[in-house]
C-alpha atoms as a PDB file:
ATOM      1  CA  MET A   1     -13.484  15.266  -2.439  1.00  0.00           C
ATOM      2  CA  THR A   2     -14.802  11.767  -4.169  1.00  0.00           C
ATOM      3  CA  ASP A   3     -13.437  10.873  -7.275  1.00  0.00           C
ATOM      4  CA  SER A   4      -9.882  12.024  -5.926  1.00  0.00           C
ATOM      5  CA  MET A   5      -8.558  12.563  -2.482  1.00  0.00           C
ATOM      6  CA  HIS A   6      -5.602  14.549  -3.730  1.00  0.00           C
ATOM      7  CA  ARG A   7      -5.380  18.356  -4.414  1.00  0.00           C
ATOM      8  CA  ASP A   8      -2.293  20.870  -5.442  1.00  0.00           C
ATOM      9  CA  LEU A   9      -0.993  22.140  -3.067  1.00  0.00           C
ATOM     10  CA  ALA A  10       0.347  25.285  -4.471  1.00  0.00           C
ATOM     11  CA  THR A  11      -3.618  25.950  -5.075  1.00  0.00           C
ATOM     12  CA  SER A  12      -3.946  25.605  -1.494  1.00  0.00           C
ATOM     13  CA  SER A  13      -4.044  28.247   1.015  1.00  0.00           C
ATOM     14  CA  GLN A  14      -0.598  26.849   2.454  1.00  0.00           C
ATOM     15  CA  ASP A  15       2.116  29.309   2.591  1.00  0.00           C
ATOM     16  CA  GLU A  16       3.990  28.253  -1.036  1.00  0.00           C
ATOM     17  CA  SER A  17       7.261  29.375   1.061  1.00  0.00           C
ATOM     18  CA  VAL A  18       6.716  25.896   3.012  1.00  0.00           C
ATOM     19  CA  THR A  19       5.166  23.776   0.198  1.00  0.00           C
ATOM     20  CA  PRO A  20       7.271  20.830  -0.721  1.00  0.00           C
ATOM     21  CA  ARG A  21       8.095  20.704  -4.449  1.00  0.00           C
ATOM     22  CA  HIS A  22       9.536  18.491  -7.529  1.00  0.00           C
ATOM     23  CA  GLU A  23      12.965  19.058  -8.758  1.00  0.00           C
ATOM     24  CA  ASP A  24      11.617  20.818 -11.655  1.00  0.00           C
ATOM     25  CA  GLY A  25       9.873  23.412  -8.961  1.00  0.00           C
ATOM     26  CA  SER A  26       6.395  21.883  -9.414  1.00  0.00           C
ATOM     27  CA  ALA A  27       4.603  21.626  -6.131  1.00  0.00           C
ATOM     28  CA  LEU A  28       4.009  17.888  -4.569  1.00  0.00           C
ATOM     29  CA  ARG A  29       0.141  16.535  -4.518  1.00  0.00           C
ATOM     30  CA  ARG A  30      -1.485  16.340  -1.313  1.00  0.00           C
ATOM     31  CA  TYR A  31      -3.859  13.452  -0.137  1.00  0.00           C
ATOM     32  CA  GLU A  32      -6.030  13.566   2.858  1.00  0.00           C
ATOM     33  CA  ARG A  33      -7.595  10.853   4.864  1.00  0.00           C
ATOM     34  CA  PRO A  34     -10.876  11.024   5.868  1.00  0.00           C
ATOM     35  CA  HIS A  35     -11.580  10.591   9.391  1.00  0.00           C
ATOM     36  CA  GLU A  36     -13.243   7.379  10.207  1.00  0.00           C
ATOM     37  CA  ALA A  37     -15.485   6.810  13.698  1.00  0.00           C
ATOM     38  CA  PRO A  38     -16.019   3.261  15.572  1.00  0.00           C
ATOM     39  CA  ALA A  39     -18.778   1.180  13.636  1.00  0.00           C
ATOM     40  CA  PRO A  40     -21.479   0.513  14.521  1.00  0.00           C
ATOM     41  CA  ASP A  41     -22.419   2.542  17.621  1.00  0.00           C
ATOM     42  CA  THR A  42     -25.241   0.274  18.405  1.00  0.00           C
ATOM     43  CA  PRO A  43     -23.848  -2.385  21.554  1.00  0.00           C
ATOM     44  CA  LEU A  44     -23.095  -5.940  19.989  1.00  0.00           C
ATOM     45  CA  LEU A  45     -25.941  -8.558  21.173  1.00  0.00           C
ATOM     46  CA  ASP A  46     -25.362 -11.644  23.322  1.00  0.00           C
ATOM     47  CA  GLY A  47     -24.112 -14.373  20.748  1.00  0.00           C
ATOM     48  CA  GLU A  48     -23.132 -12.354  18.040  1.00  0.00           C
ATOM     49  CA  VAL A  49     -19.619 -12.230  18.517  1.00  0.00           C
ATOM     50  CA  VAL A  50     -17.393 -15.485  18.233  1.00  0.00           C
ATOM     51  CA  PRO A  51     -15.148 -15.200  21.400  1.00  0.00           C
ATOM     52  CA  PHE A  52     -11.247 -16.286  20.747  1.00  0.00           C
ATOM     53  CA  ARG A  53     -11.771 -19.674  22.410  1.00  0.00           C
ATOM     54  CA  GLU A  54     -14.427 -20.791  19.718  1.00  0.00           C
ATOM     55  CA  LEU A  55     -12.424 -19.607  16.964  1.00  0.00           C
ATOM     56  CA  GLU A  56     -11.303 -22.776  15.375  1.00  0.00           C
ATOM     57  CA  PRO A  57     -14.757 -24.508  15.094  1.00  0.00           C
ATOM     58  CA  ALA A  58     -15.830 -20.983  13.399  1.00  0.00           C
ATOM     59  CA  LEU A  59     -13.102 -21.462  10.942  1.00  0.00           C
ATOM     60  CA  GLU A  60     -13.867 -24.589   9.786  1.00  0.00           C
ATOM     61  CA  ALA A  61     -17.446 -23.393   9.069  1.00  0.00           C
ATOM     62  CA  SER A  62     -16.194 -20.183   7.389  1.00  0.00           C
ATOM     63  CA  ALA A  63     -15.837 -19.705   3.580  1.00  0.00           C
ATOM     64  CA  LEU A  64     -12.108 -18.262   3.972  1.00  0.00           C
ATOM     65  CA  SER A  65      -9.450 -19.762   2.121  1.00  0.00           C
ATOM     66  CA  GLU A  66      -6.173 -21.586   4.187  1.00  0.00           C
ATOM     67  CA  GLY A  67      -4.415 -18.046   3.956  1.00  0.00           C
ATOM     68  CA  GLY A  68      -7.540 -16.054   5.229  1.00  0.00           C
ATOM     69  CA  ARG A  69      -8.001 -18.474   8.326  1.00  0.00           C
ATOM     70  CA  ALA A  70      -4.336 -18.508   9.266  1.00  0.00           C
ATOM     71  CA  LEU A  71      -4.350 -14.610   8.785  1.00  0.00           C
ATOM     72  CA  LEU A  72      -7.379 -14.426  11.020  1.00  0.00           C
ATOM     73  CA  ARG A  73      -6.050 -17.039  13.781  1.00  0.00           C
ATOM     74  CA  GLY A  74      -2.832 -14.439  13.999  1.00  0.00           C
ATOM     75  CA  LEU A  75      -4.726 -11.155  13.695  1.00  0.00           C
ATOM     76  CA  LEU A  76      -6.788 -12.248  17.042  1.00  0.00           C
ATOM     77  CA  ARG A  77      -4.270 -13.987  19.032  1.00  0.00           C
ATOM     78  CA  LEU A  78      -1.668 -10.866  18.646  1.00  0.00           C
ATOM     79  CA  GLY A  79      -3.896  -7.752  17.833  1.00  0.00           C
ATOM     80  CA  ARG A  80      -6.249  -5.386  19.146  1.00  0.00           C
ATOM     81  CA  THR A  81      -8.959  -2.433  17.994  1.00  0.00           C
ATOM     82  CA  ALA A  82      -7.919   1.082  18.753  1.00  0.00           C
ATOM     83  CA  VAL A  83      -8.451   4.481  17.898  1.00  0.00           C
ATOM     84  CA  PHE A  84      -5.496   6.152  15.953  1.00  0.00           C
ATOM     85  CA  PRO A  85      -5.335   9.827  15.895  1.00  0.00           C
ATOM     86  CA  GLY A  86      -4.652  10.278  12.056  1.00  0.00           C
ATOM     87  CA  GLY A  87      -6.952   7.976  10.978  1.00  0.00           C
ATOM     88  CA  GLY A  88      -9.757   7.225  13.967  1.00  0.00           C
ATOM     89  CA  ALA A  89     -10.924   3.537  14.291  1.00  0.00           C
ATOM     90  CA  GLY A  90      -8.830   0.759  13.413  1.00  0.00           C
ATOM     91  CA  ILE A  91      -6.601  -2.327  13.853  1.00  0.00           C
ATOM     92  CA  GLU A  92      -3.121  -2.643  15.740  1.00  0.00           C
ATOM     93  CA  TYR A  93      -1.749  -5.308  14.307  1.00  0.00           C
ATOM     94  CA  GLY A  94       2.326  -4.370  14.090  1.00  0.00           C
ATOM     95  CA  ALA A  95       2.896  -8.099  16.259  1.00  0.00           C
ATOM     96  CA  LEU A  96       1.618  -9.770  13.078  1.00  0.00           C
ATOM     97  CA  LEU A  97       2.735  -7.637  10.036  1.00  0.00           C
ATOM     98  CA  LYS A  98       5.299  -4.919  11.168  1.00  0.00           C
ATOM     99  CA  THR A  99       7.514  -6.141  14.419  1.00  0.00           C
ATOM    100  CA  ALA A 100       7.866  -9.606  13.483  1.00  0.00           C
ATOM    101  CA  ALA A 101       7.773 -11.716  10.557  1.00  0.00           C
ATOM    102  CA  ARG A 102       5.558 -14.494  10.968  1.00  0.00           C
ATOM    103  CA  PRO A 103       5.129 -16.988   8.168  1.00  0.00           C
ATOM    104  CA  ASP A 104       3.050 -19.412  10.361  1.00  0.00           C
ATOM    105  CA  HIS A 105       0.395 -16.702  10.278  1.00  0.00           C
ATOM    106  CA  VAL A 106       0.959 -15.247   6.976  1.00  0.00           C
ATOM    107  CA  GLY A 107       2.805 -17.787   4.927  1.00  0.00           C
ATOM    108  CA  ALA A 108      -0.343 -19.187   3.267  1.00  0.00           C
ATOM    109  CA  HIS A 109      -1.368 -15.553   2.451  1.00  0.00           C
ATOM    110  CA  VAL A 110       1.404 -15.084   0.508  1.00  0.00           C
ATOM    111  CA  GLN A 111       1.018 -17.698  -1.394  1.00  0.00           C
ATOM    112  CA  GLU A 112      -2.334 -16.811  -2.356  1.00  0.00           C
ATOM    113  CA  ALA A 113      -1.361 -13.544  -3.123  1.00  0.00           C
ATOM    114  CA  ALA A 114       1.630 -14.389  -5.600  1.00  0.00           C
ATOM    115  CA  GLY A 115      -0.649 -16.734  -7.328  1.00  0.00           C
ATOM    116  CA  TYR A 116      -3.248 -13.437  -7.997  1.00  0.00           C
ATOM    117  CA  LEU A 117       0.117 -11.220  -9.368  1.00  0.00           C
ATOM    118  CA  HIS A 118       1.229 -13.626 -11.889  1.00  0.00           C
ATOM    119  CA  GLU A 119      -2.153 -14.104 -13.014  1.00  0.00           C
ATOM    120  CA  ARG A 120      -2.163 -10.569 -13.838  1.00  0.00           C
ATOM    121  CA  GLU A 121       1.132 -10.851 -15.377  1.00  0.00           C
ATOM    122  CA  VAL A 122       2.914  -7.772 -12.803  1.00  0.00           C
ATOM    123  CA  ASP A 123       6.241  -6.741 -13.588  1.00  0.00           C
ATOM    124  CA  LEU A 124       6.815  -4.536 -10.452  1.00  0.00           C
ATOM    125  CA  LEU A 125       5.559  -4.057  -6.699  1.00  0.00           C
ATOM    126  CA  VAL A 126       5.473  -0.574  -5.204  1.00  0.00           C
ATOM    127  CA  VAL A 127       5.194  -0.677  -1.335  1.00  0.00           C
ATOM    128  CA  PRO A 128       4.695   2.504   0.438  1.00  0.00           C
ATOM    129  CA  GLY A 129       6.577   3.247   3.787  1.00  0.00           C
ATOM    130  CA  MET A 130       8.705   0.880   5.896  1.00  0.00           C
ATOM    131  CA  SER A 131       5.360  -0.283   7.949  1.00  0.00           C
ATOM    132  CA  GLY A 132       4.284  -1.985   4.689  1.00  0.00           C
ATOM    133  CA  TYR A 133       7.362  -3.138   3.602  1.00  0.00           C
ATOM    134  CA  PRO A 134       7.918  -6.524   5.483  1.00  0.00           C
ATOM    135  CA  ILE A 135       4.934  -7.774   3.856  1.00  0.00           C
ATOM    136  CA  GLY A 136       6.178  -6.283   0.638  1.00  0.00           C
ATOM    137  CA  ALA A 137       9.263  -7.979   0.598  1.00  0.00           C
ATOM    138  CA  MET A 138       7.286 -11.366   1.330  1.00  0.00           C
ATOM    139  CA  TYR A 139       5.249 -11.029  -1.688  1.00  0.00           C
ATOM    140  CA  ALA A 140       8.233 -10.155  -3.570  1.00  0.00           C
ATOM    141  CA  VAL A 141      10.542 -12.957  -2.771  1.00  0.00           C
ATOM    142  CA  VAL A 142       7.498 -15.478  -3.185  1.00  0.00           C
ATOM    143  CA  SER A 143       6.378 -14.007  -6.393  1.00  0.00           C
ATOM    144  CA  GLY A 144       9.838 -13.390  -7.636  1.00  0.00           C
ATOM    145  CA  ILE A 145       8.595  -9.944  -8.596  1.00  0.00           C
ATOM    146  CA  PRO A 146      10.618  -7.142  -7.704  1.00  0.00           C
ATOM    147  CA  ALA A 147       9.538  -4.426  -4.959  1.00  0.00           C
ATOM    148  CA  VAL A 148      10.486  -0.900  -4.850  1.00  0.00           C
ATOM    149  CA  LEU A 149       9.877   1.319  -1.526  1.00  0.00           C
ATOM    150  CA  LEU A 150       7.968   4.438  -1.607  1.00  0.00           C
ATOM    151  CA  LYS A 151      10.287   6.051   1.464  1.00  0.00           C
ATOM    152  CA  LYS A 152       8.549   8.190   4.221  1.00  0.00           C
ATOM    153  CA  GLN A 153       9.861  11.189   5.104  1.00  0.00           C
ATOM    154  CA  ARG A 154       9.156  14.586   7.658  1.00  0.00           C
ATOM    155  CA  HIS A 155       8.999  17.785   5.376  1.00  0.00           C
ATOM    156  CA  VAL A 156      11.067  20.067   7.825  1.00  0.00           C
ATOM    157  CA  PRO A 157      11.274  23.751   6.656  1.00  0.00           C
ATOM    158  CA  SER A 158      14.967  24.303   5.905  1.00  0.00           C
ATOM    159  CA  ASP A 159      16.476  27.187   8.401  1.00  0.00           C
ATOM    160  CA  SER A 160      19.261  28.517   5.855  1.00  0.00           C
ATOM    161  CA  ALA A 161      15.706  29.298   3.753  1.00  0.00           C
ATOM    162  CA  ARG A 162      14.140  30.712   6.588  1.00  0.00           C
ATOM    163  CA  ALA A 163      16.958  33.060   7.357  1.00  0.00           C
ATOM    164  CA  GLU A 164      17.101  34.233   3.626  1.00  0.00           C
ATOM    165  CA  PRO A 165      16.598  37.995   2.235  1.00  0.00           C
ATOM    166  CA  GLY A 166      13.423  38.414   0.464  1.00  0.00           C
ATOM    167  CA  GLY A 167      11.104  36.706   3.343  1.00  0.00           C
ATOM    168  CA  ALA A 168      11.403  32.495   2.315  1.00  0.00           C
ATOM    169  CA  ARG A 169       9.841  32.193   5.481  1.00  0.00           C
ATOM    170  CA  GLY A 170      11.096  28.790   5.894  1.00  0.00           C
ATOM    171  CA  GLY A 171      10.623  27.489   2.848  1.00  0.00           C
ATOM    172  CA  ASP A 172      11.964  23.949   2.292  1.00  0.00           C
ATOM    173  CA  MET A 173      15.020  23.883   0.106  1.00  0.00           C
ATOM    174  CA  THR A 174      14.676  20.154  -0.699  1.00  0.00           C
ATOM    175  CA  ARG A 175      13.586  18.324  -4.103  1.00  0.00           C
ATOM    176  CA  TYR A 176      11.586  15.416  -4.371  1.00  0.00           C
ATOM    177  CA  PRO A 177      11.924  13.138  -7.340  1.00  0.00           C
ATOM    178  CA  PRO A 178       8.857  12.338  -9.615  1.00  0.00           C
ATOM    179  CA  GLY A 179       5.841  11.060  -8.567  1.00  0.00           C
ATOM    180  CA  SER A 180       6.634  12.254  -4.858  1.00  0.00           C
ATOM    181  CA  PHE A 181       3.282  12.846  -2.750  1.00  0.00           C
ATOM    182  CA  VAL A 182       2.287  14.530   0.930  1.00  0.00           C
ATOM    183  CA  ILE A 183      -0.179  12.561   2.996  1.00  0.00           C
ATOM    184  CA  PRO A 184      -1.008  12.812   6.600  1.00  0.00           C
ATOM    185  CA  SER A 185       0.866  10.512   8.911  1.00  0.00           C
ATOM    186  CA  TYR A 186      -1.770   7.987  10.126  1.00  0.00           C
ATOM    187  CA  THR A 187      -0.451   7.488  13.755  1.00  0.00           C
ATOM    188  CA  GLY A 188      -0.931  11.595  13.709  1.00  0.00           C
ATOM    189  CA  GLU A 189       2.390  12.810  13.612  1.00  0.00           C
ATOM    190  CA  GLY A 190       1.872  15.142  10.933  1.00  0.00           C
ATOM    191  CA  ASP A 191       2.420  15.384   6.976  1.00  0.00           C
ATOM    192  CA  VAL A 192       4.685  13.206   5.604  1.00  0.00           C
ATOM    193  CA  VAL A 193       6.413  13.339   1.943  1.00  0.00           C
ATOM    194  CA  MET A 194       6.572   9.566   0.250  1.00  0.00           C
ATOM    195  CA  SER A 195       8.856   9.505  -2.682  1.00  0.00           C
ATOM    196  CA  ALA A 196      11.017   6.412  -4.547  1.00  0.00           C
ATOM    197  CA  ASP A 197      14.231   5.573  -4.562  1.00  0.00           C
ATOM    198  CA  LEU A 198      15.346   6.647  -8.069  1.00  0.00           C
ATOM    199  CA  ASP A 199      18.355   4.762  -8.882  1.00  0.00           C
ATOM    200  CA  ALA A 200      16.754   1.395  -6.940  1.00  0.00           C
ATOM    201  CA  LEU A 201      13.544   1.738  -9.433  1.00  0.00           C
ATOM    202  CA  ARG A 202      15.357   2.857 -12.659  1.00  0.00           C
ATOM    203  CA  ASP A 203      17.785  -0.316 -12.333  1.00  0.00           C
ATOM    204  CA  ILE A 204      14.627  -2.656 -11.884  1.00  0.00           C
ATOM    205  CA  VAL A 205      12.861  -1.058 -14.887  1.00  0.00           C
ATOM    206  CA  ASP A 206      16.190  -1.189 -17.064  1.00  0.00           C
ATOM    207  CA  GLY A 207      16.125  -4.959 -16.417  1.00  0.00           C
ATOM    208  CA  ILE A 208      12.592  -5.398 -16.887  1.00  0.00           C
ATOM    209  CA  LEU A 209      12.556  -3.029 -20.804  1.00  0.00           C
ATOM    210  CA  HIS A 210      16.089  -4.556 -21.397  1.00  0.00           C
ATOM    211  CA  ARG A 211      14.410  -8.034 -21.881  1.00  0.00           C
ATOM    212  CA  GLN A 212      11.482  -6.687 -23.868  1.00  0.00           C
ATOM    213  CA  VAL A 213      13.477  -4.765 -26.245  1.00  0.00           C
ATOM    214  CA  VAL A 214      15.501  -8.097 -27.018  1.00  0.00           C
ATOM    215  CA  ALA A 215      12.296  -9.987 -27.317  1.00  0.00           C
ATOM    216  CA  GLN A 216      11.294  -8.080 -29.889  1.00  0.00           C
ATOM    217  CA  GLY A 217      14.306  -7.927 -31.818  1.00  0.00           C
ATOM    218  CA  GLU A 218      14.131  -6.270 -35.509  1.00  0.00           C
ATOM    219  CA  ALA A 219      10.827  -4.820 -35.102  1.00  0.00           C
ATOM    220  CA  SER A 220       9.946  -2.163 -36.860  1.00  0.00           C
ATOM    221  CA  ALA A 221       8.341  -0.072 -33.534  1.00  0.00           C
ATOM    222  CA  LEU A 222       8.942  -1.186 -29.716  1.00  0.00           C
ATOM    223  CA  THR A 223       6.354  -1.593 -27.213  1.00  0.00           C
ATOM    224  CA  LEU A 224       7.610  -0.838 -23.455  1.00  0.00           C
ATOM    225  CA  ARG A 225       5.249  -2.484 -21.016  1.00  0.00           C
ATOM    226  CA  VAL A 226       5.393  -1.915 -17.267  1.00  0.00           C
ATOM    227  CA  ARG A 227       2.859  -3.659 -14.869  1.00  0.00           C
ATOM    228  CA  VAL A 228       2.618  -2.425 -11.652  1.00  0.00           C
ATOM    229  CA  ALA A 229       0.606  -3.600  -8.527  1.00  0.00           C
ATOM    230  CA  GLY A 230       0.760  -1.928  -5.223  1.00  0.00           C
ATOM    231  CA  ALA A 231       1.456  -3.812  -2.133  1.00  0.00           C
ATOM    232  CA  ASP A 232       0.790  -2.843   1.591  1.00  0.00           C
ATOM    233  CA  ASP A 233      -0.101  -3.892   5.051  1.00  0.00           C
ATOM    234  CA  ILE A 234      -3.295  -2.893   4.903  1.00  0.00           C
ATOM    235  CA  ILE A 235      -6.228  -1.105   2.823  1.00  0.00           C
ATOM    236  CA  ASP A 236      -7.784   1.343   4.488  1.00  0.00           C
ATOM    237  CA  LYS A 237     -10.278   3.984   2.533  1.00  0.00           C
ATOM    238  CA  ALA A 238      -8.136   3.544  -0.458  1.00  0.00           C
ATOM    239  CA  THR A 239      -6.692   6.829  -0.222  1.00  0.00           C
ATOM    240  CA  MET A 240      -2.856   5.530   0.252  1.00  0.00           C
ATOM    241  CA  SER A 241      -3.706   3.441  -2.503  1.00  0.00           C
ATOM    242  CA  GLN A 242      -4.747   6.208  -4.800  1.00  0.00           C
ATOM    243  CA  ALA A 243      -1.908   8.343  -4.131  1.00  0.00           C
ATOM    244  CA  VAL A 244       0.749   5.107  -4.392  1.00  0.00           C
ATOM    245  CA  SER A 245      -0.629   3.902  -7.827  1.00  0.00           C
ATOM    246  CA  GLU A 246      -0.735   7.431  -9.084  1.00  0.00           C
ATOM    247  CA  SER A 247       2.624   7.995  -7.911  1.00  0.00           C
ATOM    248  CA  ALA A 248       3.818   4.643  -9.718  1.00  0.00           C
ATOM    249  CA  LEU A 249       2.123   5.793 -13.181  1.00  0.00           C
ATOM    250  CA  ILE A 250       4.232   8.562 -13.010  1.00  0.00           C
ATOM    251  CA  VAL A 251       7.612   7.731 -11.415  1.00  0.00           C
ATOM    252  CA  VAL A 252       7.786   4.760 -13.800  1.00  0.00           C
ATOM    253  CA  LYS A 253       6.967   6.240 -17.134  1.00  0.00           C
ATOM    254  CA  ALA A 254       9.846   8.474 -15.969  1.00  0.00           C
ATOM    255  CA  ALA A 255      12.470   5.929 -15.680  1.00  0.00           C
ATOM    256  CA  ILE A 256      11.152   4.691 -18.706  1.00  0.00           C
ATOM    257  CA  ALA A 257      11.715   7.748 -20.568  1.00  0.00           C
ATOM    258  CA  HIS A 258      15.546   7.557 -18.830  1.00  0.00           C
ATOM    259  CA  PHE A 259      15.933   4.089 -20.203  1.00  0.00           C
ATOM    260  CA  VAL A 260      14.662   5.225 -23.965  1.00  0.00           C
ATOM    261  CA  ALA A 261      16.934   7.932 -23.882  1.00  0.00           C
ATOM    262  CA  ARG A 262      20.209   5.785 -22.799  1.00  0.00           C
ATOM    263  CA  HIS A 263      19.195   3.009 -25.176  1.00  0.00           C
ATOM    264  CA  ARG A 264      18.973   5.361 -28.087  1.00  0.00           C
ATOM    265  CA  GLU A 265      22.177   6.940 -27.340  1.00  0.00           C
ATOM    266  CA  ARG A 266      24.076   3.903 -26.917  1.00  0.00           C
ATOM    267  CA  SER A 267      22.770   2.322 -29.866  1.00  0.00           C
ATOM    268  CA  GLY A 268      21.276   4.637 -32.328  1.00  0.00           C
ATOM    269  CA  ASP A 269      17.898   2.954 -32.365  1.00  0.00           C
ATOM    270  CA  ALA A 270      15.454   5.413 -33.787  1.00  0.00           C
ATOM    271  CA  ARG A 271      12.624   3.114 -34.044  1.00  0.00           C
ATOM    272  CA  GLU A 272       9.276   4.569 -32.712  1.00  0.00           C
ATOM    273  CA  ILE A 273       8.683   3.336 -28.858  1.00  0.00           C
ATOM    274  CA  THR A 274       5.021   2.993 -27.731  1.00  0.00           C
ATOM    275  CA  GLU A 275       5.017   2.918 -23.698  1.00  0.00           C
ATOM    276  CA  ASP A 276       2.402   1.148 -21.846  1.00  0.00           C
ATOM    277  CA  VAL A 277       2.535   1.745 -18.275  1.00  0.00           C
ATOM    278  CA  THR A 278      -0.619   0.231 -16.005  1.00  0.00           C
ATOM    279  CA  VAL A 279      -1.856  -0.430 -12.434  1.00  0.00           C
ATOM    280  CA  ALA A 280      -3.189  -4.251 -12.681  1.00  0.00           C
ATOM    281  CA  GLY A 281      -3.753  -4.803  -9.359  1.00  0.00           C
ATOM    282  CA  TRP A 282      -3.322  -4.510  -5.311  1.00  0.00           C
ATOM    283  CA  VAL A 283      -2.183  -7.050  -2.504  1.00  0.00           C
ATOM    284  CA  THR A 284      -2.663  -6.686   1.193  1.00  0.00           C
ATOM    285  CA  PRO A 285      -3.198  -9.358   4.287  1.00  0.00           C
ATOM    286  CA  LEU A 286      -6.162  -6.806   5.312  1.00  0.00           C
ATOM    287  CA  ILE A 287      -8.770  -4.292   3.719  1.00  0.00           C
ATOM    288  CA  LYS A 288     -11.411  -2.590   5.400  1.00  0.00           C
ATOM    289  CA  GLY A 289     -14.577  -3.174   3.153  1.00  0.00           C
ATOM    290  CA  TYR A 290     -17.072  -1.300   4.672  1.00  0.00           C
ATOM    291  CA  ASN A 291     -14.808   2.021   3.764  1.00  0.00           C
ATOM    292  CA  ARG A 292     -15.795   0.566   0.208  1.00  0.00           C
ATOM    293  CA  PRO A 293     -12.193   0.663  -1.357  1.00  0.00           C
ATOM    294  CA  HIS A 294     -13.107  -1.912  -3.571  1.00  0.00           C
ATOM    295  CA  GLU A 295     -15.539   0.127  -5.498  1.00  0.00           C
ATOM    296  CA  GLN A 296     -12.794   3.285  -5.140  1.00  0.00           C
ATOM    297  CA  LEU A 297      -9.805   1.253  -6.759  1.00  0.00           C
ATOM    298  CA  HIS A 298     -12.028  -0.353  -9.777  1.00  0.00           C
ATOM    299  CA  ARG A 299     -13.279   2.829 -10.515  1.00  0.00           C
ATOM    300  CA  TRP A 300      -9.994   4.643 -10.258  1.00  0.00           C
ATOM    301  CA  PHE A 301      -7.674   1.993 -11.959  1.00  0.00           C
ATOM    302  CA  GLY A 302     -10.254  -1.015 -13.004  1.00  0.00           C
ATOM    303  CA  ILE A 303      -9.135  -3.318 -10.862  1.00  0.00           C
ATOM    304  CA  VAL A 304     -10.184  -5.571  -7.849  1.00  0.00           C
ATOM    305  CA  PRO A 305      -7.741  -6.018  -5.211  1.00  0.00           C
ATOM    306  CA  PHE A 306      -6.692  -9.286  -3.458  1.00  0.00           C
ATOM    307  CA  ALA A 307      -7.068  -9.063   0.217  1.00  0.00           C
ATOM    308  CA  GLY A 308      -6.179 -11.799   2.961  1.00  0.00           C
ATOM    309  CA  LEU A 309      -9.340 -10.648   4.888  1.00  0.00           C
ATOM    310  CA  ASN A 310     -11.977  -7.818   4.137  1.00  0.00           C
ATOM    311  CA  VAL A 311     -12.902  -6.307   7.376  1.00  0.00           C
ATOM    312  CA  THR A 312     -16.671  -5.515   7.434  1.00  0.00           C
ATOM    313  CA  SER A 313     -16.614  -3.806  10.928  1.00  0.00           C
ATOM    314  CA  VAL A 314     -14.584  -2.588  13.917  1.00  0.00           C
ATOM    315  CA  HIS A 315     -15.668  -2.786  17.472  1.00  0.00           C
ATOM    316  CA  LEU A 316     -14.202  -1.427  20.282  1.00  0.00           C
ATOM    317  CA  ASP A 317     -16.265  -2.453  23.090  1.00  0.00           C
ATOM    318  CA  PRO A 318     -15.964  -5.653  23.084  1.00  0.00           C
ATOM    319  CA  PRO A 319     -12.923  -5.651  20.825  1.00  0.00           C
ATOM    320  CA  ALA A 320     -14.160  -7.308  17.946  1.00  0.00           C
ATOM    321  CA  ILE A 321     -13.879  -7.199  14.078  1.00  0.00           C
ATOM    322  CA  GLY A 322     -16.234  -8.227  11.746  1.00  0.00           C
ATOM    323  CA  ILE A 323     -14.608 -10.713   8.644  1.00  0.00           C
ATOM    324  CA  GLU A 324     -16.333 -11.264   5.387  1.00  0.00           C
ATOM    325  CA  GLY A 325     -16.994 -14.947   5.643  1.00  0.00           C
ATOM    326  CA  ALA A 326     -16.549 -15.680   9.499  1.00  0.00           C
ATOM    327  CA  GLY A 327     -18.512 -13.121  10.670  1.00  0.00           C
ATOM    328  CA  ILE A 328     -17.713 -11.084  14.035  1.00  0.00           C
ATOM    329  CA  VAL A 329     -14.942 -12.461  15.876  1.00  0.00           C
ATOM    330  CA  GLY A 330     -13.173 -11.602  19.377  1.00  0.00           C
ATOM    331  CA  PHE A 331      -9.676 -10.846  20.095  1.00  0.00           C
ATOM    332  CA  ALA A 332      -7.640 -12.828  22.458  1.00  0.00           C
ATOM    333  CA  THR A 333      -8.053 -11.820  25.748  1.00  0.00           C
ATOM    334  CA  GLY A 334      -5.107 -13.099  27.385  1.00  0.00           C
ATOM    335  CA  ASP A 335      -6.635 -15.620  29.412  1.00  0.00           C
ATOM    336  CA  GLU A 336      -7.346 -18.171  26.740  1.00  0.00           C
ATOM    337  CA  ASP A 337      -5.242 -21.121  25.317  1.00  0.00           C
ATOM    338  CA  VAL A 338      -3.793 -19.446  22.438  1.00  0.00           C
ATOM    339  CA  THR A 339      -1.434 -22.411  21.265  1.00  0.00           C
ATOM    340  CA  ALA A 340      -1.932 -22.833  17.279  1.00  0.00           C
ATOM    341  CA  PRO A 341      -3.031 -25.864  16.193  1.00  0.00           C
ATOM    342  CA  GLU A 342      -0.695 -27.954  14.353  1.00  0.00           C
ATOM    343  CA  ASP A 343      -1.797 -27.354  10.421  1.00  0.00           C
ATOM    344  CA  ALA A 344      -1.645 -23.604  11.376  1.00  0.00           C
ATOM    345  CA  SER A 345       1.901 -23.102  10.126  1.00  0.00           C
ATOM    346  CA  ALA A 346       0.758 -25.058   6.766  1.00  0.00           C
ATOM    347  CA  GLY A 347       1.636 -23.208   3.457  1.00  0.00           C
END
């Protein structure tokens, strides 16, 4: 699949009895992750990789922003390249973005991302899975823009359904809210269902729309606008970004419909109401530019994502990554002095 990485599960060869479904009984969309091979295959030349011990002069000469420099310093100190069962060659960066909060490494980047979000007048951030939520929460707090989590859960067939007469054959009786979708886990743990907490989302959207209704006063018609941005710890092949963006459009429109119904019931307001829901941007510390996600997101949603570092290549031997504006840089091996410079925590 090129223009779209999703398919309707009801039309696939999968047994319909185990197909996860929305509350209305319709099948969830499924998104496929293309597997990624290490690149490039040719050995790196002597002198082509900047070793970690020489990183500071390379950063000074680079075209990276302050936030990008601090991010790269932390990534090379704490991360490594690896092969993931569900996605192929990639970067292990848990200690930087998942299992610890490091203002010294990510603080300046978060400030820069907040500026991008404000420029695009974003009302709501949507963050997939718990792995993206630490950085997503930082974006939300610094920018002042609320964020909602698309929680991840395993799709487990129901034992009670399996025992039903008529051959339910292990169908999952769970019904998922609007905008839910299925995607393979990047770590190879099988399929997961991603869905929003509707109560949390509705409360956020209610606040956004209430202010707009008040601001439009006695206008003859109302326009209710919600500008959404995605936020994640990495944009890899844009598959998750597409899924989250399309999910956000669906679930926010459902939240608007819920608000409008309650507003009309309580106020008797019969004015024409127009809704305007758009994906206005994406923010992330890391983007794998060599997978061309910029092109995908621009084609699908007309946006240019903001990333702290644009990864141009991933190398397993020696462990190194290419970074736009900085060249190919090596990870710390454990033998270097990894004491951060005094200005590394600035911002």
